Structure formats: structure tokens, C-alpha cells
Amino acid sequence: YNLLGVSPKATTKEIKSAYRRRALELHPDVNKAPDASARFNEVKEAYNVLVDPARREAYD
């Protein structure tokens, strides 16, 4: 939740919006920081967990 900046009660729509925002900030093609790729992958994995109801329930 922290990686995407959303609350545990966030809706799927809110999670998708937060993911898009963070992905644009951290995408390695845009962000040239040495750790951008790793941070982008962390955000992508967090998104994949939170939008899948079964994985989100297991995480919670």
C-alpha cells in the first residue's frame, strides 16, 4: 500500500490510478536514477497483488 500511496481500503480504481502515477514517475525510460528499474518493478508487483482479489486477501 505504501509503495502506491493508497490506503488498505482503496478501491481497485484508486489503486489503478495510483499505479499509473507511480509508473510514470519510476519507469526506467523516464527516470534515469540507478535504482529506477528496481523501484518500478516493486511498484508493478505491488499493483499486481492489490488488484487481484485473492492475492490482496492473502497479503492483507
Protein backbone atom coordinates (compact mmCIF):
# COMPACT_ATOMS: atom_id res chain seq x y z
CA TYR A 1 0.00 0.00 0.00
CA ASN A 2 2.83 2.37 0.85
CA LEU A 3 4.57 1.86 -2.48
CA LEU A 4 1.46 3.03 -4.30
CA GLY A 5 0.46 5.62 -1.71
CA VAL A 6 -3.01 4.18 -1.14
CA SER A 7 -4.88 3.11 1.96
CA PRO A 8 -5.77 -0.51 2.70
CA LYS A 9 -9.39 0.42 1.98
CA ALA A 10 -8.58 1.75 -1.52
CA THR A 11 -10.79 0.66 -4.38
CA THR A 12 -9.42 -1.05 -7.48
CA LYS A 13 -9.96 2.18 -9.40
CA GLU A 14 -7.90 4.14 -6.85
CA ILE A 15 -5.14 1.51 -6.97
CA LYS A 16 -5.01 1.63 -10.78
CA SER A 17 -4.81 5.41 -10.74
CA ALA A 18 -2.04 5.39 -8.14
CA TYR A 19 -0.15 2.74 -10.11
CA ARG A 20 -0.27 4.78 -13.31
CA ARG A 21 1.00 7.84 -11.46
CA ARG A 22 3.90 5.95 -9.82
CA ALA A 23 4.74 4.05 -13.01
CA LEU A 24 5.14 7.30 -14.91
CA GLU A 25 7.47 8.63 -12.19
CA LEU A 26 9.60 5.49 -11.94
CA HIS A 27 9.63 3.99 -15.44
CA PRO A 28 13.28 3.39 -16.42
CA ASP A 29 12.76 5.10 -19.80
CA VAL A 30 11.84 8.33 -17.99
CA ASN A 31 13.65 8.11 -14.67
CA LYS A 32 17.40 7.74 -15.12
CA ALA A 33 18.14 7.07 -11.42
CA PRO A 34 20.24 3.93 -10.92
CA ASP A 35 17.52 2.28 -8.84
CA ALA A 36 14.58 3.30 -11.04
CA SER A 37 14.20 -0.12 -12.63
CA ALA A 38 14.14 -1.93 -9.28
CA ARG A 39 11.69 0.57 -7.79
CA PHE A 40 9.47 0.32 -10.87
CA ASN A 41 9.40 -3.48 -10.53
CA GLU A 42 8.45 -3.20 -6.84
CA VAL A 43 5.56 -0.89 -7.71
CA LYS A 44 4.47 -3.22 -10.52
CA GLU A 45 4.47 -6.23 -8.17
CA ALA A 46 2.53 -4.28 -5.51
CA TYR A 47 -0.05 -3.36 -8.14
CA ASN A 48 -0.36 -6.96 -9.32
CA VAL A 49 -1.00 -8.12 -5.76
CA LEU A 50 -3.51 -5.40 -4.89
CA VAL A 51 -5.69 -5.69 -7.99
CA ASP A 52 -6.03 -9.48 -7.69
CA PRO A 53 -8.71 -10.13 -5.03
CA ALA A 54 -7.23 -13.47 -3.92
CA ARG A 55 -3.67 -12.16 -3.70
CA ARG A 56 -4.83 -8.99 -1.95
CA GLU A 57 -6.73 -11.01 0.65
CA ALA A 58 -3.66 -13.20 1.26
CA TYR A 59 -1.48 -10.09 1.60
CA ASP A 60 -3.88 -8.39 4.00
